[in-house]
C-alpha atoms as a PDB file:
ATOM      1  CA  UNK A   1      95.396  85.231  83.106  1.00  0.00           C
ATOM      2  CA  UNK A   2      96.354  87.516  86.076  1.00  0.00           C
ATOM      3  CA  UNK A   3      98.740  90.640  85.109  1.00  0.00           C
ATOM      4  CA  UNK A   4     101.917  90.767  86.447  1.00  0.00           C
ATOM      5  CA  UNK A   5     102.944  93.877  88.951  1.00  0.00           C
ATOM      6  CA  UNK A   6     106.170  95.109  86.854  1.00  0.00           C
ATOM      7  CA  UNK A   7     106.106  98.096  89.215  1.00  0.00           C
ATOM      8  CA  UNK A   8     107.433  96.246  91.919  1.00  0.00           C
ATOM      9  CA  UNK A   9     110.448  94.589  90.484  1.00  0.00           C
ATOM     10  CA  UNK A  10     114.150  95.865  91.053  1.00  0.00           C
ATOM     11  CA  UNK A  11     115.793  97.136  87.706  1.00  0.00           C
ATOM     12  CA  UNK A  12     117.220  93.250  87.683  1.00  0.00           C
ATOM     13  CA  UNK A  13     114.363  91.982  88.204  1.00  0.00           C
ATOM     14  CA  UNK A  14     112.755  93.304  85.175  1.00  0.00           C
ATOM     15  CA  UNK A  15     115.395  92.398  83.222  1.00  0.00           C
ATOM     16  CA  UNK A  16     114.656  88.803  84.145  1.00  0.00           C
ATOM     17  CA  UNK A  17     111.203  89.185  83.682  1.00  0.00           C
ATOM     18  CA  UNK A  18     111.740  90.971  80.291  1.00  0.00           C
ATOM     19  CA  UNK A  19     114.151  87.961  79.027  1.00  0.00           C
ATOM     20  CA  UNK A  20     111.893  85.328  79.943  1.00  0.00           C
ATOM     21  CA  UNK A  21     109.516  87.755  76.848  1.00  0.00           C
ATOM     22  CA  UNK A  22     111.545  86.719  74.704  1.00  0.00           C
ATOM     23  CA  UNK A  23     112.579  90.694  74.959  1.00  0.00           C
ATOM     24  CA  UNK A  24     116.367  92.348  74.690  1.00  0.00           C
ATOM     25  CA  UNK A  25     117.827  93.314  77.814  1.00  0.00           C
ATOM     26  CA  UNK A  26     117.403  97.244  77.541  1.00  0.00           C
ATOM     27  CA  UNK A  27     113.879  97.013  76.919  1.00  0.00           C
ATOM     28  CA  UNK A  28     113.805  96.449  81.113  1.00  0.00           C
ATOM     29  CA  UNK A  29     116.093 100.021  81.742  1.00  0.00           C
ATOM     30  CA  UNK A  30     113.190 101.918  79.387  1.00  0.00           C
ATOM     31  CA  UNK A  31     110.723 100.147  81.664  1.00  0.00           C
ATOM     32  CA  UNK A  32     111.630 100.513  84.842  1.00  0.00           C
ATOM     33  CA  UNK A  33     113.069 104.571  83.609  1.00  0.00           C
ATOM     34  CA  UNK A  34     109.878 105.053  82.490  1.00  0.00           C
ATOM     35  CA  UNK A  35     108.370 104.220  85.634  1.00  0.00           C
ATOM     36  CA  UNK A  36     110.492 105.137  88.405  1.00  0.00           C
ATOM     37  CA  UNK A  37     112.108 107.604  86.920  1.00  0.00           C
ATOM     38  CA  UNK A  38     109.215 109.997  85.014  1.00  0.00           C
ATOM     39  CA  UNK A  39     106.450 108.106  87.230  1.00  0.00           C
ATOM     40  CA  UNK A  40     104.586 106.938  83.918  1.00  0.00           C
ATOM     41  CA  UNK A  41     100.758 106.141  84.375  1.00  0.00           C
ATOM     42  CA  UNK A  42     100.275 104.081  81.498  1.00  0.00           C
ATOM     43  CA  UNK A  43     101.976 101.708  78.755  1.00  0.00           C
ATOM     44  CA  UNK A  44     101.003 104.204  76.135  1.00  0.00           C
ATOM     45  CA  UNK A  45     103.138 106.952  77.390  1.00  0.00           C
ATOM     46  CA  UNK A  46     106.062 105.163  76.841  1.00  0.00           C
ATOM     47  CA  UNK A  47     107.134 106.234  73.378  1.00  0.00           C
ATOM     48  CA  UNK A  48     110.706 104.829  73.287  1.00  0.00           C
ATOM     49  CA  UNK A  49     108.701 101.322  72.984  1.00  0.00           C
ATOM     50  CA  UNK A  50     107.173  99.356  70.084  1.00  0.00           C
ATOM     51  CA  UNK A  51     104.035  99.676  69.718  1.00  0.00           C
ATOM     52  CA  UNK A  52     103.432  95.607  70.114  1.00  0.00           C
ATOM     53  CA  UNK A  53     105.488  95.619  73.395  1.00  0.00           C
ATOM     54  CA  UNK A  54     103.207  98.064  74.335  1.00  0.00           C
ATOM     55  CA  UNK A  55      99.908  96.115  73.503  1.00  0.00           C
ATOM     56  CA  UNK A  56     101.370  93.437  74.848  1.00  0.00           C
ATOM     57  CA  UNK A  57     102.104  95.115  78.164  1.00  0.00           C
ATOM     58  CA  UNK A  58      98.865  96.293  78.755  1.00  0.00           C
ATOM     59  CA  UNK A  59      97.489  93.174  78.356  1.00  0.00           C
ATOM     60  CA  UNK A  60      99.935  90.656  80.540  1.00  0.00           C
ATOM     61  CA  UNK A  61     101.171  93.483  83.051  1.00  0.00           C
ATOM     62  CA  UNK A  62     100.055  96.440  85.078  1.00  0.00           C
ATOM     63  CA  UNK A  63     101.583  99.335  86.868  1.00  0.00           C
ATOM     64  CA  UNK A  64     100.792 100.861  90.214  1.00  0.00           C
ATOM     65  CA  UNK A  65      99.138 104.250  90.342  1.00  0.00           C
ATOM     66  CA  UNK A  66      97.441 105.508  93.533  1.00  0.00           C
ATOM     67  CA  UNK A  67      94.063 107.407  93.175  1.00  0.00           C
ATOM     68  CA  UNK A  68      94.433 110.802  95.613  1.00  0.00           C
ATOM     69  CA  UNK A  69      91.537 110.822  97.638  1.00  0.00           C
ATOM     70  CA  UNK A  70      91.501 113.467 100.292  1.00  0.00           C
ATOM     71  CA  UNK A  71      94.014 115.479 101.273  1.00  0.00           C
ATOM     72  CA  UNK A  72      94.151 117.386 104.616  1.00  0.00           C
ATOM     73  CA  UNK A  73      96.470 120.529 105.128  1.00  0.00           C
ATOM     74  CA  UNK A  74      97.248 122.112 108.359  1.00  0.00           C
ATOM     75  CA  UNK A  75      96.823 126.108 108.304  1.00  0.00           C
ATOM     76  CA  UNK A  76      99.383 126.128 111.313  1.00  0.00           C
ATOM     77  CA  UNK A  77     102.901 124.118 109.790  1.00  0.00           C
ATOM     78  CA  UNK A  78     101.404 123.386 105.488  1.00  0.00           C
ATOM     79  CA  UNK A  79     102.062 119.608 106.432  1.00  0.00           C
ATOM     80  CA  UNK A  80      99.813 117.907 103.894  1.00  0.00           C
ATOM     81  CA  UNK A  81      97.712 114.670 104.931  1.00  0.00           C
ATOM     82  CA  UNK A  82      97.042 112.848 101.879  1.00  0.00           C
ATOM     83  CA  UNK A  83      94.521 109.621 101.602  1.00  0.00           C
ATOM     84  CA  UNK A  84      95.095 107.122  98.314  1.00  0.00           C
ATOM     85  CA  UNK A  85      92.823 104.560  97.377  1.00  0.00           C
ATOM     86  CA  UNK A  86      94.717 101.379  95.915  1.00  0.00           C
ATOM     87  CA  UNK A  87      93.743  99.403  92.872  1.00  0.00           C
ATOM     88  CA  UNK A  88      91.681  97.183  95.370  1.00  0.00           C
ATOM     89  CA  UNK A  89      89.468 100.019  96.981  1.00  0.00           C
ATOM     90  CA  UNK A  90      91.816 100.056 100.162  1.00  0.00           C
ATOM     91  CA  UNK A  91      93.388 103.124 101.136  1.00  0.00           C
ATOM     92  CA  UNK A  92      96.178 104.360 103.566  1.00  0.00           C
ATOM     93  CA  UNK A  93      97.621 107.552 103.990  1.00  0.00           C
ATOM     94  CA  UNK A  94     100.684 109.501 103.912  1.00  0.00           C
ATOM     95  CA  UNK A  95     102.196 112.791 104.579  1.00  0.00           C
ATOM     96  CA  UNK A  96     104.214 115.245 103.018  1.00  0.00           C
ATOM     97  CA  UNK A  97     106.718 117.545 106.089  1.00  0.00           C
ATOM     98  CA  UNK A  98     108.063 120.780 105.146  1.00  0.00           C
ATOM     99  CA  UNK A  99     111.563 120.947 107.561  1.00  0.00           C
ATOM    100  CA  UNK A 100     114.391 123.864 106.589  1.00  0.00           C
ATOM    101  CA  UNK A 101     116.655 120.843 105.150  1.00  0.00           C
ATOM    102  CA  UNK A 102     113.829 119.787 102.240  1.00  0.00           C
ATOM    103  CA  UNK A 103     110.452 118.135 101.534  1.00  0.00           C
ATOM    104  CA  UNK A 104     109.739 114.458 103.411  1.00  0.00           C
ATOM    105  CA  UNK A 105     107.440 111.891 102.939  1.00  0.00           C
ATOM    106  CA  UNK A 106     106.328 109.487 105.569  1.00  0.00           C
ATOM    107  CA  UNK A 107     104.612 107.043 104.240  1.00  0.00           C
ATOM    108  CA  UNK A 108     102.695 103.443 104.933  1.00  0.00           C
ATOM    109  CA  UNK A 109     103.800  99.960 104.710  1.00  0.00           C
ATOM    110  CA  UNK A 110     100.883  97.819 105.267  1.00  0.00           C
ATOM    111  CA  UNK A 111      96.665  98.749 104.396  1.00  0.00           C
ATOM    112  CA  UNK A 112      96.153  99.049 109.294  1.00  0.00           C
ATOM    113  CA  UNK A 113      98.624  97.583 111.345  1.00  0.00           C
ATOM    114  CA  UNK A 114      98.375  94.632 113.712  1.00  0.00           C
ATOM    115  CA  UNK A 115     100.612  96.220 116.315  1.00  0.00           C
ATOM    116  CA  UNK A 116      98.424  97.167 118.617  1.00  0.00           C
ATOM    117  CA  UNK A 117     100.086  99.495 120.124  1.00  0.00           C
ATOM    118  CA  UNK A 118      97.948 101.759 122.886  1.00  0.00           C
ATOM    119  CA  UNK A 119      98.324 105.073 121.702  1.00  0.00           C
ATOM    120  CA  UNK A 120      97.921 104.183 117.950  1.00  0.00           C
ATOM    121  CA  UNK A 121      95.039 104.778 115.572  1.00  0.00           C
ATOM    122  CA  UNK A 122      96.604 103.224 112.730  1.00  0.00           C
ATOM    123  CA  UNK A 123      95.678  99.920 114.879  1.00  0.00           C
ATOM    124  CA  UNK A 124      91.916 100.342 115.641  1.00  0.00           C
ATOM    125  CA  UNK A 125      91.497  97.990 112.984  1.00  0.00           C
ATOM    126  CA  UNK A 126      94.036  95.390 112.369  1.00  0.00           C
ATOM    127  CA  UNK A 127      95.787  94.304 109.208  1.00  0.00           C
ATOM    128  CA  UNK A 128      94.265  94.300 105.525  1.00  0.00           C
ATOM    129  CA  UNK A 129      97.337  93.102 104.013  1.00  0.00           C
ATOM    130  CA  UNK A 130     100.661  94.321 103.365  1.00  0.00           C
ATOM    131  CA  UNK A 131     102.123  97.195 100.707  1.00  0.00           C
ATOM    132  CA  UNK A 132     103.768  96.227  97.330  1.00  0.00           C
ATOM    133  CA  UNK A 133     106.986  97.626  96.744  1.00  0.00           C
ATOM    134  CA  UNK A 134     105.018  99.648  94.314  1.00  0.00           C
ATOM    135  CA  UNK A 135     102.385 101.008  96.102  1.00  0.00           C
ATOM    136  CA  UNK A 136     104.997 102.052  98.911  1.00  0.00           C
ATOM    137  CA  UNK A 137     106.961 103.344  95.362  1.00  0.00           C
ATOM    138  CA  UNK A 138     103.495 104.928  94.671  1.00  0.00           C
ATOM    139  CA  UNK A 139     103.452 107.187  97.590  1.00  0.00           C
ATOM    140  CA  UNK A 140     106.336 109.562  96.557  1.00  0.00           C
ATOM    141  CA  UNK A 141     105.872 109.059  93.235  1.00  0.00           C
ATOM    142  CA  UNK A 142     102.452 110.812  93.668  1.00  0.00           C
ATOM    143  CA  UNK A 143     102.873 113.005  96.102  1.00  0.00           C
ATOM    144  CA  UNK A 144     105.765 114.339  94.209  1.00  0.00           C
ATOM    145  CA  UNK A 145     103.807 114.854  91.144  1.00  0.00           C
ATOM    146  CA  UNK A 146     100.886 116.308  93.499  1.00  0.00           C
ATOM    147  CA  UNK A 147     102.625 118.832  95.576  1.00  0.00           C
ATOM    148  CA  UNK A 148     105.089 120.007  92.547  1.00  0.00           C
ATOM    149  CA  UNK A 149     108.050 119.341  94.357  1.00  0.00           C
ATOM    150  CA  UNK A 150     110.931 117.297  94.408  1.00  0.00           C
ATOM    151  CA  UNK A 151     110.956 114.597  98.003  1.00  0.00           C
ATOM    152  CA  UNK A 152     114.488 115.127  99.679  1.00  0.00           C
ATOM    153  CA  UNK A 153     113.342 112.383 102.116  1.00  0.00           C
ATOM    154  CA  UNK A 154     111.027 109.297 103.040  1.00  0.00           C
ATOM    155  CA  UNK A 155     110.365 107.990 106.055  1.00  0.00           C
ATOM    156  CA  UNK A 156     108.779 104.496 106.664  1.00  0.00           C
ATOM    157  CA  UNK A 157     106.566 105.151 109.501  1.00  0.00           C
ATOM    158  CA  UNK A 158     102.963 105.999 108.738  1.00  0.00           C
ATOM    159  CA  UNK A 159     100.363 102.790 109.012  1.00  0.00           C
ATOM    160  CA  UNK A 160     101.843  99.075 109.301  1.00  0.00           C
ATOM    161  CA  UNK A 161     105.111  98.107 110.714  1.00  0.00           C
ATOM    162  CA  UNK A 162     107.820  97.814 108.025  1.00  0.00           C
ATOM    163  CA  UNK A 163     109.313  94.684 108.724  1.00  0.00           C
ATOM    164  CA  UNK A 164     106.121  93.186 108.825  1.00  0.00           C
ATOM    165  CA  UNK A 165     106.654  93.217 105.604  1.00  0.00           C
ATOM    166  CA  UNK A 166     110.224  93.311 104.926  1.00  0.00           C
ATOM    167  CA  UNK A 167     110.770  91.946 101.508  1.00  0.00           C
ATOM    168  CA  UNK A 168     108.553  94.159  99.451  1.00  0.00           C
ATOM    169  CA  UNK A 169     110.618  96.516 102.432  1.00  0.00           C
ATOM    170  CA  UNK A 170     114.042  96.068 100.858  1.00  0.00           C
ATOM    171  CA  UNK A 171     112.881  95.646  96.975  1.00  0.00           C
ATOM    172  CA  UNK A 172     110.845  99.315  97.694  1.00  0.00           C
ATOM    173  CA  UNK A 173     114.665 100.946  98.830  1.00  0.00           C
ATOM    174  CA  UNK A 174     116.522  99.295  95.971  1.00  0.00           C
ATOM    175  CA  UNK A 175     113.709 101.042  93.608  1.00  0.00           C
ATOM    176  CA  UNK A 176     113.586 104.466  94.951  1.00  0.00           C
ATOM    177  CA  UNK A 177     118.118 104.018  94.859  1.00  0.00           C
ATOM    178  CA  UNK A 178     117.841 103.246  91.688  1.00  0.00           C
ATOM    179  CA  UNK A 179     119.865 105.808  89.660  1.00  0.00           C
ATOM    180  CA  UNK A 180     117.413 105.451  86.718  1.00  0.00           C
ATOM    181  CA  UNK A 181     115.264 105.760  88.904  1.00  0.00           C
ATOM    182  CA  UNK A 182     113.776 108.488  91.234  1.00  0.00           C
ATOM    183  CA  UNK A 183     117.339 108.093  92.770  1.00  0.00           C
ATOM    184  CA  UNK A 184     116.696 108.423  96.158  1.00  0.00           C
ATOM    185  CA  UNK A 185     120.290 107.878  98.769  1.00  0.00           C
ATOM    186  CA  UNK A 186     118.843 105.164 101.366  1.00  0.00           C
ATOM    187  CA  UNK A 187     120.398 107.678 103.666  1.00  0.00           C
ATOM    188  CA  UNK A 188     117.716 109.617 102.999  1.00  0.00           C
ATOM    189  CA  UNK A 189     115.222 106.734 103.910  1.00  0.00           C
ATOM    190  CA  UNK A 190     114.430 106.306 107.996  1.00  0.00           C
ATOM    191  CA  UNK A 191     112.696 102.943 108.829  1.00  0.00           C
ATOM    192  CA  UNK A 192     110.625 102.665 111.827  1.00  0.00           C
ATOM    193  CA  UNK A 193     110.049  99.483 113.628  1.00  0.00           C
ATOM    194  CA  UNK A 194     108.203  98.344 116.929  1.00  0.00           C
ATOM    195  CA  UNK A 195     111.345  96.322 117.705  1.00  0.00           C
ATOM    196  CA  UNK A 196     110.957  93.076 115.435  1.00  0.00           C
ATOM    197  CA  UNK A 197     114.373  91.774 116.379  1.00  0.00           C
ATOM    198  CA  UNK A 198     115.003  88.896 113.477  1.00  0.00           C
ATOM    199  CA  UNK A 199     114.814  91.614 110.940  1.00  0.00           C
ATOM    200  CA  UNK A 200     117.125  94.369 112.883  1.00  0.00           C
ATOM    201  CA  UNK A 201     119.650  92.132 112.255  1.00  0.00           C
ATOM    202  CA  UNK A 202     119.204  90.585 109.168  1.00  0.00           C
ATOM    203  CA  UNK A 203     118.946  94.462 107.940  1.00  0.00           C
ATOM    204  CA  UNK A 204     121.925  94.962 109.264  1.00  0.00           C
ATOM    205  CA  UNK A 205     123.707  91.167 107.571  1.00  0.00           C
ATOM    206  CA  UNK A 206     122.456  93.368 103.650  1.00  0.00           C
ATOM    207  CA  UNK A 207     124.313  96.098 105.187  1.00  0.00           C
ATOM    208  CA  UNK A 208     121.222  98.685 104.308  1.00  0.00           C
ATOM    209  CA  UNK A 209     122.382 102.184 104.444  1.00  0.00           C
ATOM    210  CA  UNK A 210     118.649 103.128 105.825  1.00  0.00           C
ATOM    211  CA  UNK A 211     118.494 105.454 109.373  1.00  0.00           C
ATOM    212  CA  UNK A 212     117.174 102.469 111.386  1.00  0.00           C
ATOM    213  CA  UNK A 213     114.397 104.148 113.852  1.00  0.00           C
ATOM    214  CA  UNK A 214     112.620 101.890 116.633  1.00  0.00           C
ATOM    215  CA  UNK A 215     109.855 102.276 118.894  1.00  0.00           C
ATOM    216  CA  UNK A 216     111.227 101.895 122.504  1.00  0.00           C
ATOM    217  CA  UNK A 217     108.542 104.290 123.957  1.00  0.00           C
ATOM    218  CA  UNK A 218     109.549 102.683 127.662  1.00  0.00           C
ATOM    219  CA  UNK A 219     112.477 101.444 129.825  1.00  0.00           C
ATOM    220  CA  UNK A 220     111.222  99.127 130.955  1.00  0.00           C
ATOM    221  CA  UNK A 221     109.529  95.173 129.932  1.00  0.00           C
ATOM    222  CA  UNK A 222     106.635  96.038 132.461  1.00  0.00           C
ATOM    223  CA  UNK A 223     106.093  99.224 130.931  1.00  0.00           C
ATOM    224  CA  UNK A 224     106.784  98.553 127.500  1.00  0.00           C
ATOM    225  CA  UNK A 225     103.942  95.659 127.618  1.00  0.00           C
ATOM    226  CA  UNK A 226     101.326  97.885 128.587  1.00  0.00           C
ATOM    227  CA  UNK A 227     101.513 100.688 125.674  1.00  0.00           C
ATOM    228  CA  UNK A 228     102.750  97.734 122.765  1.00  0.00           C
ATOM    229  CA  UNK A 229     101.979  94.393 122.621  1.00  0.00           C
ATOM    230  CA  UNK A 230     104.591  93.382 120.010  1.00  0.00           C
ATOM    231  CA  UNK A 231     106.756  93.590 123.528  1.00  0.00           C
ATOM    232  CA  UNK A 232     105.027  90.527 124.554  1.00  0.00           C
ATOM    233  CA  UNK A 233     107.964  89.095 121.756  1.00  0.00           C
ATOM    234  CA  UNK A 234     110.947  90.903 121.875  1.00  0.00           C
ATOM    235  CA  UNK A 235     112.608  91.984 125.024  1.00  0.00           C
ATOM    236  CA  UNK A 236     114.175  95.583 125.498  1.00  0.00           C
ATOM    237  CA  UNK A 237     117.437  93.864 126.080  1.00  0.00           C
ATOM    238  CA  UNK A 238     117.513  91.661 122.850  1.00  0.00           C
ATOM    239  CA  UNK A 239     116.005  94.876 121.089  1.00  0.00           C
ATOM    240  CA  UNK A 240     119.114  96.843 122.399  1.00  0.00           C
ATOM    241  CA  UNK A 241     121.389  94.196 121.936  1.00  0.00           C
ATOM    242  CA  UNK A 242     119.857  93.811 117.871  1.00  0.00           C
ATOM    243  CA  UNK A 243     120.034  97.929 117.669  1.00  0.00           C
ATOM    244  CA  UNK A 244     124.292  97.486 118.612  1.00  0.00           C
ATOM    245  CA  UNK A 245     124.610  94.418 115.768  1.00  0.00           C
ATOM    246  CA  UNK A 246     123.233  96.942 113.759  1.00  0.00           C
ATOM    247  CA  UNK A 247     125.526  99.557 114.604  1.00  0.00           C
ATOM    248  CA  UNK A 248     128.213  97.231 114.094  1.00  0.00           C
ATOM    249  CA  UNK A 249     127.993  96.111 110.924  1.00  0.00           C
ATOM    250  CA  UNK A 250     126.594  98.962 109.042  1.00  0.00           C
ATOM    251  CA  UNK A 251     128.340 102.196 111.334  1.00  0.00           C
ATOM    252  CA  UNK A 252     124.911 104.529 111.545  1.00  0.00           C
ATOM    253  CA  UNK A 253     123.855 105.615 114.787  1.00  0.00           C
ATOM    254  CA  UNK A 254     120.198 103.762 115.263  1.00  0.00           C
ATOM    255  CA  UNK A 255     117.057 106.681 117.075  1.00  0.00           C
ATOM    256  CA  UNK A 256     114.830 105.530 119.922  1.00  0.00           C
ATOM    257  CA  UNK A 257     111.507 106.982 119.179  1.00  0.00           C
ATOM    258  CA  UNK A 258     110.208 107.544 122.478  1.00  0.00           C
ATOM    259  CA  UNK A 259     106.089 108.807 123.238  1.00  0.00           C
ATOM    260  CA  UNK A 260     105.753 111.060 126.106  1.00  0.00           C
ATOM    261  CA  UNK A 261     102.119 109.641 127.739  1.00  0.00           C
ATOM    262  CA  UNK A 262     101.169 111.326 130.918  1.00  0.00           C
ATOM    263  CA  UNK A 263     101.888 109.767 134.259  1.00  0.00           C
ATOM    264  CA  UNK A 264     102.559 106.368 132.362  1.00  0.00           C
ATOM    265  CA  UNK A 265     106.446 106.864 131.152  1.00  0.00           C
ATOM    266  CA  UNK A 266     106.812 110.134 131.992  1.00  0.00           C
ATOM    267  CA  UNK A 267     108.671 110.044 135.243  1.00  0.00           C
ATOM    268  CA  UNK A 268     112.188 111.241 136.638  1.00  0.00           C
ATOM    269  CA  UNK A 269     112.369 107.167 136.979  1.00  0.00           C
ATOM    270  CA  UNK A 270     111.742 106.569 133.991  1.00  0.00           C
ATOM    271  CA  UNK A 271     114.120 109.169 131.980  1.00  0.00           C
ATOM    272  CA  UNK A 272     116.928 107.424 134.986  1.00  0.00           C
ATOM    273  CA  UNK A 273     116.200 104.310 133.855  1.00  0.00           C
ATOM    274  CA  UNK A 274     116.511 104.696 130.012  1.00  0.00           C
ATOM    275  CA  UNK A 275     119.318 107.040 130.221  1.00  0.00           C
ATOM    276  CA  UNK A 276     121.042 104.046 132.413  1.00  0.00           C
ATOM    277  CA  UNK A 277     120.318 101.658 129.440  1.00  0.00           C
ATOM    278  CA  UNK A 278     121.513 103.828 127.109  1.00  0.00           C
ATOM    279  CA  UNK A 279     124.715 104.432 128.211  1.00  0.00           C
ATOM    280  CA  UNK A 280     127.542 103.852 125.775  1.00  0.00           C
ATOM    281  CA  UNK A 281     125.820 102.768 123.002  1.00  0.00           C
ATOM    282  CA  UNK A 282     126.183 105.836 120.237  1.00  0.00           C
ATOM    283  CA  UNK A 283     122.368 106.994 119.319  1.00  0.00           C
ATOM    284  CA  UNK A 284     119.494 108.913 119.618  1.00  0.00           C
ATOM    285  CA  UNK A 285     116.422 109.793 121.497  1.00  0.00           C
ATOM    286  CA  UNK A 286     113.575 111.361 119.688  1.00  0.00           C
ATOM    287  CA  UNK A 287     110.898 112.462 121.999  1.00  0.00           C
ATOM    288  CA  UNK A 288     107.205 112.616 120.953  1.00  0.00           C
ATOM    289  CA  UNK A 289     104.353 114.108 121.933  1.00  0.00           C
ATOM    290  CA  UNK A 290     101.854 112.284 121.552  1.00  0.00           C
ATOM    291  CA  UNK A 291      98.734 113.327 119.711  1.00  0.00           C
ATOM    292  CA  UNK A 292      95.707 112.910 120.854  1.00  0.00           C
ATOM    293  CA  UNK A 293      93.738 110.083 119.829  1.00  0.00           C
ATOM    294  CA  UNK A 294      89.987 109.603 120.021  1.00  0.00           C
ATOM    295  CA  UNK A 295      89.479 106.399 120.883  1.00  0.00           C
ATOM    296  CA  UNK A 296      92.472 105.948 123.700  1.00  0.00           C
ATOM    297  CA  UNK A 297      92.931 107.122 127.063  1.00  0.00           C
ATOM    298  CA  UNK A 298      96.284 107.501 127.094  1.00  0.00           C
ATOM    299  CA  UNK A 299      97.295 111.694 127.523  1.00  0.00           C
ATOM    300  CA  UNK A 300      99.928 114.087 126.017  1.00  0.00           C
ATOM    301  CA  UNK A 301     102.381 114.631 128.741  1.00  0.00           C
ATOM    302  CA  UNK A 302     102.708 117.913 129.846  1.00  0.00           C
ATOM    303  CA  UNK A 303     105.015 120.931 127.955  1.00  0.00           C
ATOM    304  CA  UNK A 304     106.918 121.419 131.035  1.00  0.00           C
ATOM    305  CA  UNK A 305     107.379 117.794 131.757  1.00  0.00           C
ATOM    306  CA  UNK A 306     108.205 116.612 128.616  1.00  0.00           C
ATOM    307  CA  UNK A 307     111.170 119.748 129.122  1.00  0.00           C
ATOM    308  CA  UNK A 308     111.836 117.845 132.304  1.00  0.00           C
ATOM    309  CA  UNK A 309     112.485 114.684 130.810  1.00  0.00           C
ATOM    310  CA  UNK A 310     115.132 115.899 128.113  1.00  0.00           C
ATOM    311  CA  UNK A 311     116.980 117.648 130.179  1.00  0.00           C
ATOM    312  CA  UNK A 312     117.147 114.702 132.268  1.00  0.00           C
ATOM    313  CA  UNK A 313     118.727 112.774 129.405  1.00  0.00           C
ATOM    314  CA  UNK A 314     121.406 115.397 128.748  1.00  0.00           C
ATOM    315  CA  UNK A 315     122.186 115.675 132.181  1.00  0.00           C
ATOM    316  CA  UNK A 316     123.384 111.853 131.706  1.00  0.00           C
ATOM    317  CA  UNK A 317     124.580 112.031 128.235  1.00  0.00           C
ATOM    318  CA  UNK A 318     121.803 110.690 126.067  1.00  0.00           C
ATOM    319  CA  UNK A 319     121.766 112.692 122.399  1.00  0.00           C
ATOM    320  CA  UNK A 320     118.259 113.656 122.787  1.00  0.00           C
ATOM    321  CA  UNK A 321     115.631 115.882 120.786  1.00  0.00           C
ATOM    322  CA  UNK A 322     111.877 116.915 120.538  1.00  0.00           C
ATOM    323  CA  UNK A 323     110.141 116.191 117.370  1.00  0.00           C
ATOM    324  CA  UNK A 324     108.430 118.782 116.136  1.00  0.00           C
ATOM    325  CA  UNK A 325     104.481 118.249 115.980  1.00  0.00           C
ATOM    326  CA  UNK A 326     103.507 118.134 112.665  1.00  0.00           C
ATOM    327  CA  UNK A 327     100.211 118.718 111.378  1.00  0.00           C
ATOM    328  CA  UNK A 328      98.425 118.416 114.446  1.00  0.00           C
ATOM    329  CA  UNK A 329      95.122 120.259 113.249  1.00  0.00           C
ATOM    330  CA  UNK A 330      94.661 117.768 110.166  1.00  0.00           C
ATOM    331  CA  UNK A 331      94.351 114.045 111.988  1.00  0.00           C
ATOM    332  CA  UNK A 332      97.784 113.895 112.670  1.00  0.00           C
ATOM    333  CA  UNK A 333      97.604 111.241 114.534  1.00  0.00           C
ATOM    334  CA  UNK A 334      98.815 108.446 112.196  1.00  0.00           C
ATOM    335  CA  UNK A 335      96.371 106.366 110.935  1.00  0.00           C
ATOM    336  CA  UNK A 336      93.536 108.919 112.387  1.00  0.00           C
ATOM    337  CA  UNK A 337      92.415 110.498 108.525  1.00  0.00           C
ATOM    338  CA  UNK A 338      91.697 106.720 107.032  1.00  0.00           C
ATOM    339  CA  UNK A 339      89.967 106.141 110.055  1.00  0.00           C
ATOM    340  CA  UNK A 340      88.184 108.846 109.898  1.00  0.00           C
ATOM    341  CA  UNK A 341      87.423 108.200 106.449  1.00  0.00           C
ATOM    342  CA  UNK A 342      85.817 104.940 106.538  1.00  0.00           C
ATOM    343  CA  UNK A 343      83.852 105.554 109.319  1.00  0.00           C
ATOM    344  CA  UNK A 344      82.566 108.861 107.950  1.00  0.00           C
ATOM    345  CA  UNK A 345      80.003 109.063 104.722  1.00  0.00           C
ATOM    346  CA  UNK A 346      82.970 109.129 102.247  1.00  0.00           C
ATOM    347  CA  UNK A 347      83.230 105.327 103.189  1.00  0.00           C
ATOM    348  CA  UNK A 348      80.823 104.051 100.385  1.00  0.00           C
ATOM    349  CA  UNK A 349      80.955 106.753  98.464  1.00  0.00           C
ATOM    350  CA  UNK A 350      83.296 105.603  94.677  1.00  0.00           C
ATOM    351  CA  UNK A 351      85.133 108.498  95.174  1.00  0.00           C
ATOM    352  CA  UNK A 352      85.858 111.602  97.519  1.00  0.00           C
ATOM    353  CA  UNK A 353      88.407 114.874  96.188  1.00  0.00           C
ATOM    354  CA  UNK A 354      86.677 117.189  99.358  1.00  0.00           C
ATOM    355  CA  UNK A 355      89.596 117.592  99.998  1.00  0.00           C
ATOM    356  CA  UNK A 356      90.239 119.648  96.965  1.00  0.00           C
ATOM    357  CA  UNK A 357      92.990 117.506  95.080  1.00  0.00           C
ATOM    358  CA  UNK A 358      91.285 118.025  92.421  1.00  0.00           C
END
């Protein structure tokens, strides 16, 4: 008999599940609080449930608990990168970053990625599968437990394209936001997409108050197609129209991620063209110095070119910042830790805590 993944259910879905099992409605609230509020790892821990119910749940349902495999801590800024093993043996990576405004966790939404962006390590092995809502939540919970620190914000910006896992992403947001669970504000959640236009519009129609970050990385479709295969599906004009629609529906300012690649998209002409496209749109541009990836030939722009690009955008009235580089000394690029683990001797091991998680 296949067991039910109750950790991926919203509170309302859990109530319907318990009703179908002939249980009282309030049991759903108790179990939801145990899983998402107290991060219980087993039904046995749920002390306010009858023993008969705990045994029944053990036989018919399961709680997803991620196994820490490896960790890397930056000697530069304290950024911590975690490698977690999923129940089916796949591994994913997540990152804890410390800012003056609090602790932020970057989570993965898929095992690998199929988008094929030329500057990203996550996509080198393709996409194995999408994560469940419980596996997405689990990254936040395990990092909070392992670090002993509250997670103040979450960015869904790790491996995978969240909007290719849209239903589970939306369920993840609802679960994480629930006051009976982790109680994280929707406004403290940022989702990064390569620009899946129909999903941007659907998110807008839902009125979900998350922060939308769009990986633009180019001022025109010709350059974008060289960097991102997804550009063959949706044009920049289509993406910008969807982003304006999102702003109109939610009132939330959109961020545009722009990774600067030497000699490709970092010229003064590129800055001018980008500014012209964004003119009059209340948005923010986040310039990203590309993290070097061994398997890629793309190089990071010179510091002087990055500053010049920023000044040129500012001159045109564009709100712009340069993202602080985090974890540069610990396989900082997205997907690098997972790939190095799969390619190395650890891929054949049942367990590897060499990173010191203990």
